[in-house]
Amino acid sequence: MIRTTSLLLILFLAACASSPIVQEFLDPETSVTVSYTDMPIILYLDRSGRAAFARDYVNIGPIQVNQMGRDRYYLWLGIWSTIETQYDHRRTSAFELVTVYVDGEPMLLDVAGWTPAAVGVTQPIYVKPVSSAADAYYEVTIDQIRLLAAAQEIRVQTTGDRSASYEMWDSSESASRGFREFLAAVSY
């Protein structure tokens, strides 16, 4: 009996200590409720030709903005590099229009903006992976987020002179866990 009680206590404490994957906050100035996951999908572009272990990264995270019962959905892209301390704004122009390939099917996204104001909030939603990272926000539907959550393979293709293709860093199961948890929390 004591072993069972001890085991239950340990499991309870572990559950309390672990942080939830889906986070939520109320923006103090715009009064919108924002939900997001703290486990974005990570994609990368190998740049080892420029330096050993050099890579460019794109983190993708879902966002729900609820304004008095009206839900809008966005994807956040955190764009950063291991080899550049100041992110080149010419490169961000390549992210004005991106194609996200979800299991080979294209999903064309047009940037809504580069600051949290683009989604109606006054503070950053996701923590930048590095201080020099650029944030981009794209309006999407809940169905597009569902496609990403169920995907086995995700790739982001940028446009323009600096067009590049970013591949998934992690396996699809662990990469899309945050998206699945997000959908479970925001779906009715």
N, C-alpha and C. Protein backbone atom coordinates (compact mmCIF):
# COMPACT_ATOMS: atom_id res chain seq x y z
N MET A 1 0.81 -1.19 0.00
CA MET A 1 0.00 0.00 0.00
C MET A 1 0.86 1.26 0.00
N ILE A 2 1.94 1.24 0.81
CA ILE A 2 2.83 2.41 0.87
C ILE A 2 3.53 2.61 -0.47
N ARG A 3 3.94 1.51 -1.11
CA ARG A 3 4.60 1.63 -2.41
C ARG A 3 3.65 2.23 -3.44
N THR A 4 2.40 1.81 -3.43
CA THR A 4 1.40 2.34 -4.37
C THR A 4 1.16 3.82 -4.12
N THR A 5 1.03 4.20 -2.85
CA THR A 5 0.82 5.61 -2.50
C THR A 5 2.03 6.44 -2.90
N SER A 6 3.23 5.93 -2.66
CA SER A 6 4.46 6.64 -3.04
C SER A 6 4.54 6.82 -4.55
N LEU A 7 4.20 5.76 -5.28
CA LEU A 7 4.23 5.83 -6.74
C LEU A 7 3.22 6.86 -7.26
N LEU A 8 2.02 6.86 -6.69
CA LEU A 8 1.01 7.83 -7.10
C LEU A 8 1.46 9.26 -6.78
N LEU A 9 2.09 9.46 -5.64
CA LEU A 9 2.59 10.78 -5.27
C LEU A 9 3.67 11.24 -6.24
N ILE A 10 4.57 10.36 -6.60
CA ILE A 10 5.63 10.70 -7.55
C ILE A 10 5.04 11.05 -8.91
N LEU A 11 4.07 10.27 -9.38
CA LEU A 11 3.43 10.56 -10.66
C LEU A 11 2.69 11.89 -10.62
N PHE A 12 2.02 12.17 -9.52
CA PHE A 12 1.29 13.45 -9.37
C PHE A 12 2.26 14.62 -9.39
N LEU A 13 3.35 14.53 -8.66
CA LEU A 13 4.34 15.61 -8.63
C LEU A 13 5.00 15.80 -9.99
N ALA A 14 5.26 14.71 -10.69
CA ALA A 14 5.85 14.82 -12.03
C ALA A 14 4.88 15.50 -12.98
N ALA A 15 3.61 15.18 -12.87
CA ALA A 15 2.61 15.81 -13.74
C ALA A 15 2.49 17.29 -13.43
N CYS A 16 2.58 17.66 -12.16
CA CYS A 16 2.50 19.08 -11.79
C CYS A 16 3.74 19.84 -12.22
N ALA A 17 4.88 19.18 -12.18
CA ALA A 17 6.14 19.85 -12.52
C ALA A 17 6.31 20.05 -14.02
N SER A 18 5.70 19.19 -14.82
CA SER A 18 5.86 19.33 -16.27
C SER A 18 4.98 20.48 -16.75
N SER A 19 5.53 21.25 -17.65
CA SER A 19 4.78 22.41 -18.14
C SER A 19 3.91 21.99 -19.32
N PRO A 20 2.76 22.63 -19.46
CA PRO A 20 1.90 22.28 -20.60
C PRO A 20 2.53 22.74 -21.91
N ILE A 21 2.22 22.01 -22.95
CA ILE A 21 2.76 22.34 -24.27
C ILE A 21 2.03 23.55 -24.86
N VAL A 22 0.73 23.64 -24.61
CA VAL A 22 -0.05 24.76 -25.15
C VAL A 22 -0.12 25.85 -24.08
N GLN A 23 0.29 27.04 -24.49
CA GLN A 23 0.31 28.20 -23.60
C GLN A 23 -0.80 29.16 -24.02
N GLU A 24 -1.20 30.01 -23.10
CA GLU A 24 -2.25 31.00 -23.40
C GLU A 24 -1.98 32.25 -22.57
N PHE A 25 -2.26 33.40 -23.17
CA PHE A 25 -2.16 34.65 -22.41
C PHE A 25 -3.17 35.65 -22.96
N LEU A 26 -3.49 36.61 -22.12
CA LEU A 26 -4.38 37.71 -22.49
C LEU A 26 -3.52 38.93 -22.74
N ASP A 27 -3.60 39.49 -23.95
CA ASP A 27 -2.82 40.69 -24.24
C ASP A 27 -3.42 41.85 -23.44
N PRO A 28 -2.62 42.53 -22.62
CA PRO A 28 -3.17 43.55 -21.73
C PRO A 28 -3.68 44.80 -22.45
N GLU A 29 -3.21 45.05 -23.66
CA GLU A 29 -3.63 46.27 -24.36
C GLU A 29 -4.74 46.02 -25.37
N THR A 30 -4.71 44.90 -26.07
CA THR A 30 -5.73 44.65 -27.09
C THR A 30 -6.86 43.74 -26.59
N SER A 31 -6.67 43.15 -25.42
CA SER A 31 -7.67 42.26 -24.80
C SER A 31 -8.02 41.04 -25.64
N VAL A 32 -7.08 40.56 -26.44
CA VAL A 32 -7.29 39.31 -27.17
C VAL A 32 -6.60 38.19 -26.39
N THR A 33 -7.18 37.01 -26.51
CA THR A 33 -6.58 35.83 -25.89
C THR A 33 -5.78 35.11 -26.97
N VAL A 34 -4.55 34.78 -26.64
CA VAL A 34 -3.64 34.14 -27.60
C VAL A 34 -3.27 32.76 -27.08
N SER A 35 -3.41 31.75 -27.94
CA SER A 35 -2.98 30.40 -27.63
C SER A 35 -1.90 30.00 -28.62
N TYR A 36 -0.92 29.26 -28.13
CA TYR A 36 0.20 28.82 -28.98
C TYR A 36 0.87 27.63 -28.32
N THR A 37 1.73 26.96 -29.03
CA THR A 37 2.46 25.82 -28.49
C THR A 37 3.90 26.24 -28.21
N ASP A 38 4.48 25.65 -27.19
CA ASP A 38 5.88 25.94 -26.93
C ASP A 38 6.81 24.90 -27.59
N MET A 39 6.24 24.13 -28.53
CA MET A 39 7.01 23.14 -29.28
C MET A 39 6.85 23.36 -30.78
N PRO A 40 7.48 24.39 -31.34
CA PRO A 40 7.35 24.60 -32.79
C PRO A 40 8.08 23.51 -33.58
N ILE A 41 7.69 23.39 -34.82
CA ILE A 41 8.39 22.50 -35.75
C ILE A 41 9.64 23.23 -36.23
N ILE A 42 10.74 22.51 -36.30
CA ILE A 42 12.01 23.11 -36.72
C ILE A 42 12.40 22.56 -38.08
N LEU A 43 12.70 23.48 -39.00
CA LEU A 43 13.22 23.11 -40.32
C LEU A 43 14.59 23.74 -40.48
N TYR A 44 15.40 23.17 -41.36
CA TYR A 44 16.75 23.71 -41.53
C TYR A 44 17.20 23.66 -42.98
N LEU A 45 18.20 24.46 -43.25
CA LEU A 45 18.88 24.49 -44.54
C LEU A 45 20.36 24.35 -44.25
N ASP A 46 20.98 23.30 -44.76
CA ASP A 46 22.39 23.05 -44.51
C ASP A 46 23.24 24.05 -45.29
N ARG A 47 24.11 24.74 -44.60
CA ARG A 47 25.04 25.71 -45.22
C ARG A 47 26.48 25.34 -44.90
N SER A 48 26.77 24.05 -44.77
CA SER A 48 28.11 23.61 -44.39
C SER A 48 29.17 23.98 -45.42
N GLY A 49 28.76 24.38 -46.61
CA GLY A 49 29.72 24.86 -47.60
C GLY A 49 30.32 26.20 -47.21
N ARG A 50 29.62 26.96 -46.35
CA ARG A 50 30.11 28.26 -45.91
C ARG A 50 30.94 28.17 -44.63
N ALA A 51 30.57 27.23 -43.75
CA ALA A 51 31.29 27.02 -42.50
C ALA A 51 30.84 25.69 -41.92
N ALA A 52 31.69 25.08 -41.11
CA ALA A 52 31.34 23.80 -40.49
C ALA A 52 30.10 23.99 -39.62
N PHE A 53 29.15 23.10 -39.76
CA PHE A 53 27.91 23.10 -38.98
C PHE A 53 27.06 24.35 -39.19
N ALA A 54 27.27 25.06 -40.27
CA ALA A 54 26.47 26.25 -40.56
C ALA A 54 25.11 25.84 -41.09
N ARG A 55 24.07 26.43 -40.50
CA ARG A 55 22.70 26.13 -40.93
C ARG A 55 21.84 27.38 -40.78
N ASP A 56 20.83 27.45 -41.63
CA ASP A 56 19.76 28.42 -41.47
C ASP A 56 18.56 27.63 -40.98
N TYR A 57 17.76 28.26 -40.13
CA TYR A 57 16.62 27.57 -39.54
C TYR A 57 15.34 28.37 -39.73
N VAL A 58 14.23 27.62 -39.72
CA VAL A 58 12.89 28.21 -39.66
C VAL A 58 12.12 27.40 -38.63
N ASN A 59 11.64 28.07 -37.60
CA ASN A 59 10.75 27.46 -36.62
C ASN A 59 9.33 27.82 -37.02
N ILE A 60 8.42 26.85 -36.97
CA ILE A 60 7.02 27.10 -37.32
C ILE A 60 6.14 26.76 -36.12
N GLY A 61 5.32 27.72 -35.72
CA GLY A 61 4.41 27.49 -34.61
C GLY A 61 3.02 28.02 -34.91
N PRO A 62 1.98 27.31 -34.46
CA PRO A 62 0.61 27.77 -34.67
C PRO A 62 0.20 28.79 -33.62
N ILE A 63 -0.72 29.67 -34.00
CA ILE A 63 -1.25 30.68 -33.10
C ILE A 63 -2.76 30.78 -33.30
N GLN A 64 -3.48 30.88 -32.20
CA GLN A 64 -4.91 31.21 -32.25
C GLN A 64 -5.08 32.54 -31.54
N VAL A 65 -5.74 33.48 -32.20
CA VAL A 65 -6.05 34.77 -31.59
C VAL A 65 -7.57 34.84 -31.47
N ASN A 66 -8.04 34.96 -30.23
CA ASN A 66 -9.47 35.01 -29.97
C ASN A 66 -9.82 36.42 -29.52
N GLN A 67 -10.63 37.09 -30.34
CA GLN A 67 -11.08 38.43 -30.01
C GLN A 67 -12.60 38.39 -29.86
N MET A 68 -13.05 38.35 -28.61
CA MET A 68 -14.48 38.31 -28.28
C MET A 68 -15.21 37.21 -29.04
N GLY A 69 -14.65 36.00 -29.02
CA GLY A 69 -15.29 34.86 -29.64
C GLY A 69 -14.96 34.64 -31.10
N ARG A 70 -14.29 35.57 -31.72
CA ARG A 70 -13.87 35.42 -33.13
C ARG A 70 -12.45 34.90 -33.16
N ASP A 71 -12.28 33.68 -33.68
CA ASP A 71 -10.96 33.06 -33.74
C ASP A 71 -10.31 33.31 -35.09
N ARG A 72 -9.04 33.67 -35.04
CA ARG A 72 -8.21 33.76 -36.24
C ARG A 72 -6.97 32.92 -35.97
N TYR A 73 -6.43 32.34 -37.04
CA TYR A 73 -5.29 31.44 -36.90
C TYR A 73 -4.13 31.95 -37.74
N TYR A 74 -2.92 31.73 -37.20
CA TYR A 74 -1.71 32.18 -37.87
C TYR A 74 -0.62 31.13 -37.70
N LEU A 75 0.35 31.21 -38.58
CA LEU A 75 1.60 30.48 -38.39
C LEU A 75 2.68 31.52 -38.12
N TRP A 76 3.47 31.26 -37.11
CA TRP A 76 4.65 32.08 -36.82
C TRP A 76 5.85 31.36 -37.43
N LEU A 77 6.68 32.09 -38.15
CA LEU A 77 7.94 31.57 -38.61
C LEU A 77 9.05 32.37 -37.95
N GLY A 78 9.87 31.69 -37.19
CA GLY A 78 11.06 32.28 -36.60
C GLY A 78 12.22 31.96 -37.54
N ILE A 79 12.79 32.96 -38.16
CA ILE A 79 13.79 32.78 -39.22
C ILE A 79 15.15 33.18 -38.65
N TRP A 80 16.10 32.24 -38.64
CA TRP A 80 17.40 32.55 -38.04
C TRP A 80 18.52 31.71 -38.64
N SER A 81 19.74 32.06 -38.26
CA SER A 81 20.92 31.42 -38.83
C SER A 81 21.98 31.22 -37.76
N THR A 82 22.79 30.18 -37.92
CA THR A 82 23.91 29.97 -37.00
C THR A 82 25.16 30.72 -37.45
N ILE A 83 25.13 31.28 -38.65
CA ILE A 83 26.34 31.92 -39.16
C ILE A 83 26.25 33.42 -39.29
N GLU A 84 25.09 33.99 -39.09
CA GLU A 84 24.95 35.44 -39.21
C GLU A 84 24.40 36.00 -37.91
N THR A 85 25.11 36.99 -37.34
CA THR A 85 24.65 37.57 -36.09
C THR A 85 23.60 38.65 -36.33
N GLN A 86 23.63 39.29 -37.45
CA GLN A 86 22.59 40.24 -37.84
C GLN A 86 21.83 39.63 -39.00
N TYR A 87 20.54 39.42 -38.83
CA TYR A 87 19.79 38.78 -39.90
C TYR A 87 19.67 39.74 -41.07
N ASP A 88 20.03 39.28 -42.23
CA ASP A 88 20.03 40.07 -43.46
C ASP A 88 18.59 40.32 -43.90
N HIS A 89 18.17 41.59 -43.90
CA HIS A 89 16.79 41.91 -44.26
C HIS A 89 16.49 41.61 -45.73
N ARG A 90 17.52 41.50 -46.56
CA ARG A 90 17.27 41.07 -47.94
C ARG A 90 16.77 39.63 -47.95
N ARG A 91 17.23 38.84 -47.00
CA ARG A 91 16.78 37.46 -46.93
C ARG A 91 15.33 37.38 -46.47
N THR A 92 14.90 38.29 -45.60
CA THR A 92 13.52 38.24 -45.16
C THR A 92 12.57 38.50 -46.32
N SER A 93 13.01 39.21 -47.33
CA SER A 93 12.14 39.42 -48.49
C SER A 93 11.80 38.09 -49.16
N ALA A 94 12.65 37.09 -49.01
CA ALA A 94 12.38 35.77 -49.55
C ALA A 94 11.22 35.10 -48.82
N PHE A 95 10.86 35.62 -47.64
CA PHE A 95 9.77 35.05 -46.84
C PHE A 95 8.47 35.84 -46.97
N GLU A 96 8.43 36.82 -47.86
CA GLU A 96 7.18 37.55 -48.11
C GLU A 96 6.10 36.60 -48.60
N LEU A 97 6.50 35.68 -49.43
CA LEU A 97 5.60 34.67 -49.99
C LEU A 97 6.35 33.34 -49.91
N VAL A 98 5.80 32.39 -49.20
CA VAL A 98 6.44 31.08 -49.07
C VAL A 98 5.45 29.99 -49.48
N THR A 99 6.01 28.88 -49.87
CA THR A 99 5.20 27.70 -50.12
C THR A 99 5.59 26.65 -49.10
N VAL A 100 4.61 26.22 -48.32
CA VAL A 100 4.82 25.15 -47.37
C VAL A 100 4.31 23.88 -48.03
N TYR A 101 5.20 22.92 -48.21
CA TYR A 101 4.81 21.65 -48.80
C TYR A 101 4.48 20.69 -47.66
N VAL A 102 3.24 20.24 -47.62
CA VAL A 102 2.75 19.34 -46.60
C VAL A 102 2.53 17.99 -47.27
N ASP A 103 3.41 17.05 -47.00
CA ASP A 103 3.39 15.75 -47.66
C ASP A 103 3.34 15.92 -49.18
N GLY A 104 4.10 16.87 -49.69
CA GLY A 104 4.21 17.11 -51.12
C GLY A 104 3.18 18.06 -51.70
N GLU A 105 2.12 18.36 -50.96
CA GLU A 105 1.08 19.27 -51.45
C GLU A 105 1.41 20.71 -51.07
N PRO A 106 1.38 21.63 -52.05
CA PRO A 106 1.76 23.02 -51.76
C PRO A 106 0.67 23.80 -51.03
N MET A 107 1.11 24.63 -50.11
CA MET A 107 0.24 25.56 -49.39
C MET A 107 0.93 26.93 -49.48
N LEU A 108 0.40 27.81 -50.31
CA LEU A 108 0.99 29.12 -50.54
C LEU A 108 0.58 30.08 -49.43
N LEU A 109 1.56 30.72 -48.79
CA LEU A 109 1.30 31.65 -47.70
C LEU A 109 1.91 33.01 -47.99
N ASP A 110 1.12 34.05 -47.75
CA ASP A 110 1.55 35.43 -47.94
C ASP A 110 1.70 36.05 -46.55
N VAL A 111 2.83 36.70 -46.31
CA VAL A 111 3.11 37.23 -44.98
C VAL A 111 2.07 38.28 -44.58
N ALA A 112 1.56 38.17 -43.35
CA ALA A 112 0.62 39.16 -42.81
C ALA A 112 1.38 40.31 -42.17
N GLY A 113 2.60 40.02 -41.70
CA GLY A 113 3.42 41.06 -41.09
C GLY A 113 4.63 40.48 -40.38
N TRP A 114 5.48 41.40 -39.91
CA TRP A 114 6.76 41.03 -39.30
C TRP A 114 6.82 41.33 -37.81
N THR A 115 5.72 41.82 -37.25
CA THR A 115 5.69 42.14 -35.82
C THR A 115 4.43 41.52 -35.21
N PRO A 116 4.37 41.42 -33.89
CA PRO A 116 3.17 40.88 -33.25
C PRO A 116 1.90 41.68 -33.59
N ALA A 117 2.05 42.94 -33.93
CA ALA A 117 0.88 43.75 -34.31
C ALA A 117 0.15 43.14 -35.51
N ALA A 118 0.82 42.37 -36.33
CA ALA A 118 0.20 41.75 -37.50
C ALA A 118 -0.90 40.77 -37.10
N VAL A 119 -0.82 40.23 -35.89
CA VAL A 119 -1.85 39.30 -35.42
C VAL A 119 -2.73 39.93 -34.34
N GLY A 120 -2.51 41.21 -34.07
CA GLY A 120 -3.37 41.93 -33.13
C GLY A 120 -2.92 41.91 -31.68
N VAL A 121 -1.64 41.68 -31.45
CA VAL A 121 -1.12 41.69 -30.08
C VAL A 121 0.04 42.68 -29.96
N THR A 122 0.36 43.03 -28.73
CA THR A 122 1.39 44.05 -28.50
C THR A 122 2.69 43.47 -27.97
N GLN A 123 2.73 42.17 -27.72
CA GLN A 123 3.95 41.54 -27.22
C GLN A 123 4.25 40.29 -28.03
N PRO A 124 5.52 39.91 -28.07
CA PRO A 124 5.88 38.69 -28.82
C PRO A 124 5.16 37.47 -28.27
N ILE A 125 4.80 36.58 -29.16
CA ILE A 125 4.11 35.35 -28.77
C ILE A 125 5.14 34.25 -28.52
N TYR A 126 6.00 34.04 -29.48
CA TYR A 126 7.05 33.03 -29.36
C TYR A 126 8.35 33.71 -28.95
N VAL A 127 9.12 32.99 -28.17
CA VAL A 127 10.45 33.47 -27.80
C VAL A 127 11.36 33.21 -29.00
N LYS A 128 12.08 34.25 -29.41
CA LYS A 128 13.00 34.07 -30.54
C LYS A 128 14.09 33.07 -30.16
N PRO A 129 14.44 32.17 -31.08
CA PRO A 129 15.48 31.19 -30.79
C PRO A 129 16.84 31.86 -30.55
N VAL A 130 17.09 32.97 -31.25
CA VAL A 130 18.27 33.81 -31.05
C VAL A 130 17.81 35.25 -31.20
N SER A 131 18.55 36.18 -30.62
CA SER A 131 18.10 37.57 -30.64
C SER A 131 18.04 38.16 -32.05
N SER A 132 18.83 37.64 -32.96
CA SER A 132 18.86 38.18 -34.32
C SER A 132 17.78 37.58 -35.22
N ALA A 133 16.95 36.68 -34.70
CA ALA A 133 15.92 36.03 -35.51
C ALA A 133 14.88 37.04 -35.98
N ALA A 134 14.34 36.77 -37.15
CA ALA A 134 13.24 37.57 -37.70
C ALA A 134 11.94 36.80 -37.47
N ASP A 135 10.89 37.51 -37.11
CA ASP A 135 9.57 36.91 -36.93
C ASP A 135 8.71 37.22 -38.14
N ALA A 136 7.98 36.23 -38.63
CA ALA A 136 7.03 36.44 -39.72
C ALA A 136 5.73 35.75 -39.32
N TYR A 137 4.61 36.38 -39.67
CA TYR A 137 3.29 35.86 -39.32
C TYR A 137 2.47 35.70 -40.59
N TYR A 138 1.82 34.53 -40.73
CA TYR A 138 1.01 34.20 -41.90
C TYR A 138 -0.37 33.78 -41.44
N GLU A 139 -1.42 34.38 -41.98
CA GLU A 139 -2.77 33.98 -41.62
C GLU A 139 -3.10 32.68 -42.34
N VAL A 140 -3.67 31.73 -41.59
CA VAL A 140 -4.03 30.42 -42.11
C VAL A 140 -5.40 30.03 -41.57
N THR A 141 -5.88 28.89 -41.99
CA THR A 141 -7.13 28.34 -41.45
C THR A 141 -6.80 27.23 -40.46
N ILE A 142 -7.78 26.87 -39.66
CA ILE A 142 -7.61 25.76 -38.73
C ILE A 142 -7.36 24.47 -39.52
N ASP A 143 -7.95 24.35 -40.70
CA ASP A 143 -7.73 23.15 -41.53
C ASP A 143 -6.29 23.06 -42.01
N GLN A 144 -5.66 24.19 -42.31
CA GLN A 144 -4.25 24.17 -42.70
C GLN A 144 -3.37 23.74 -41.53
N ILE A 145 -3.73 24.15 -40.33
CA ILE A 145 -2.99 23.72 -39.14
C ILE A 145 -3.18 22.22 -38.93
N ARG A 146 -4.39 21.72 -39.19
CA ARG A 146 -4.65 20.27 -39.09
C ARG A 146 -3.78 19.48 -40.07
N LEU A 147 -3.64 20.01 -41.29
CA LEU A 147 -2.79 19.34 -42.28
C LEU A 147 -1.35 19.26 -41.79
N LEU A 148 -0.85 20.35 -41.22
CA LEU A 148 0.52 20.36 -40.69
C LEU A 148 0.67 19.38 -39.54
N ALA A 149 -0.33 19.29 -38.68
CA ALA A 149 -0.28 18.38 -37.53
C ALA A 149 -0.24 16.93 -37.96
N ALA A 150 -0.88 16.60 -39.08
CA ALA A 150 -0.95 15.22 -39.55
C ALA A 150 0.16 14.87 -40.53
N ALA A 151 0.97 15.83 -40.91
CA ALA A 151 1.97 15.62 -41.97
C ALA A 151 3.11 14.70 -41.54
N GLN A 152 3.56 13.91 -42.49
CA GLN A 152 4.77 13.10 -42.31
C GLN A 152 6.00 13.89 -42.72
N GLU A 153 5.82 14.78 -43.68
CA GLU A 153 6.94 15.57 -44.21
C GLU A 153 6.47 17.00 -44.47
N ILE A 154 7.27 17.95 -43.99
CA ILE A 154 6.98 19.37 -44.20
C ILE A 154 8.25 20.01 -44.75
N ARG A 155 8.05 20.86 -45.74
CA ARG A 155 9.18 21.59 -46.34
C ARG A 155 8.70 23.01 -46.62
N VAL A 156 9.57 23.99 -46.40
CA VAL A 156 9.26 25.38 -46.69
C VAL A 156 10.17 25.83 -47.83
N GLN A 157 9.56 26.37 -48.88
CA GLN A 157 10.28 26.91 -50.03
C GLN A 157 10.07 28.41 -50.06
N THR A 158 11.16 29.17 -50.00
CA THR A 158 11.06 30.62 -50.07
C THR A 158 11.08 31.06 -51.53
N THR A 159 10.88 32.37 -51.75
CA THR A 159 10.81 32.89 -53.12
C THR A 159 11.88 33.96 -53.32
N GLY A 160 11.97 34.46 -54.53
CA GLY A 160 12.86 35.57 -54.83
C GLY A 160 14.28 35.15 -55.17
N ASP A 161 15.18 36.14 -55.12
CA ASP A 161 16.59 35.90 -55.48
C ASP A 161 17.29 34.93 -54.54
N ARG A 162 16.85 34.89 -53.31
CA ARG A 162 17.48 34.03 -52.31
C ARG A 162 16.58 32.84 -51.97
N SER A 163 15.94 32.30 -52.97
CA SER A 163 15.05 31.16 -52.77
C SER A 163 15.82 29.99 -52.17
N ALA A 164 15.19 29.33 -51.20
CA ALA A 164 15.83 28.20 -50.53
C ALA A 164 14.76 27.23 -50.06
N SER A 165 15.18 26.01 -49.81
CA SER A 165 14.26 24.98 -49.35
C SER A 165 14.71 24.47 -47.97
N TYR A 166 13.80 24.55 -47.00
CA TYR A 166 14.08 24.13 -45.62
C TYR A 166 13.41 22.79 -45.35
N GLU A 167 14.17 21.86 -44.81
CA GLU A 167 13.69 20.50 -44.54
C GLU A 167 13.47 20.31 -43.05
N MET A 168 12.67 19.30 -42.68
CA MET A 168 12.39 19.02 -41.27
C MET A 168 13.66 18.57 -40.55
N TRP A 169 13.84 19.11 -39.36
CA TRP A 169 14.99 18.76 -38.52
C TRP A 169 14.75 17.44 -37.79
N ASP A 170 13.55 17.24 -37.31
CA ASP A 170 13.23 16.10 -36.46
C ASP A 170 12.24 15.19 -37.18
N SER A 171 12.04 14.02 -36.63
CA SER A 171 11.06 13.11 -37.21
C SER A 171 9.66 13.71 -37.11
N SER A 172 8.80 13.30 -37.99
CA SER A 172 7.47 13.90 -38.05
C SER A 172 6.67 13.69 -36.76
N GLU A 173 6.86 12.56 -36.10
CA GLU A 173 6.09 12.27 -34.89
C GLU A 173 6.40 13.28 -33.78
N SER A 174 7.65 13.49 -33.49
CA SER A 174 7.98 14.43 -32.42
C SER A 174 7.81 15.88 -32.89
N ALA A 175 8.04 16.15 -34.16
CA ALA A 175 7.93 17.51 -34.67
C ALA A 175 6.50 18.02 -34.61
N SER A 176 5.54 17.19 -34.92
CA SER A 176 4.16 17.66 -34.98
C SER A 176 3.39 17.49 -33.67
N ARG A 177 4.05 17.02 -32.63
CA ARG A 177 3.38 16.84 -31.34
C ARG A 177 2.80 18.15 -30.82
N GLY A 178 3.56 19.23 -30.91
CA GLY A 178 3.07 20.52 -30.45
C GLY A 178 1.84 20.97 -31.22
N PHE A 179 1.82 20.71 -32.53
CA PHE A 179 0.66 21.07 -33.34
C PHE A 179 -0.57 20.24 -32.94
N ARG A 180 -0.37 18.96 -32.68
CA ARG A 180 -1.50 18.11 -32.27
C ARG A 180 -2.06 18.54 -30.92
N GLU A 181 -1.17 18.86 -29.99
CA GLU A 181 -1.60 19.35 -28.67
C GLU A 181 -2.33 20.69 -28.81
N PHE A 182 -1.83 21.54 -29.69
CA PHE A 182 -2.47 22.84 -29.94
C PHE A 182 -3.90 22.62 -30.44
N LEU A 183 -4.06 21.74 -31.41
CA LEU A 183 -5.39 21.47 -31.95
C LEU A 183 -6.33 20.90 -30.90
N ALA A 184 -5.83 20.03 -30.06
CA ALA A 184 -6.65 19.46 -29.00
C ALA A 184 -7.12 20.55 -28.02
N ALA A 185 -6.28 21.54 -27.79
CA ALA A 185 -6.62 22.61 -26.84
C ALA A 185 -7.55 23.65 -27.43
N VAL A 186 -7.47 23.93 -28.73
CA VAL A 186 -8.27 25.02 -29.31
C VAL A 186 -9.49 24.53 -30.06
N SER A 187 -9.59 23.25 -30.36
CA SER A 187 -10.75 22.72 -31.09
C SER A 187 -11.90 22.45 -30.14
N TYR A 188 -13.08 22.59 -30.65
CA TYR A 188 -14.28 22.39 -29.82
C TYR A 188 -14.89 21.05 -30.06
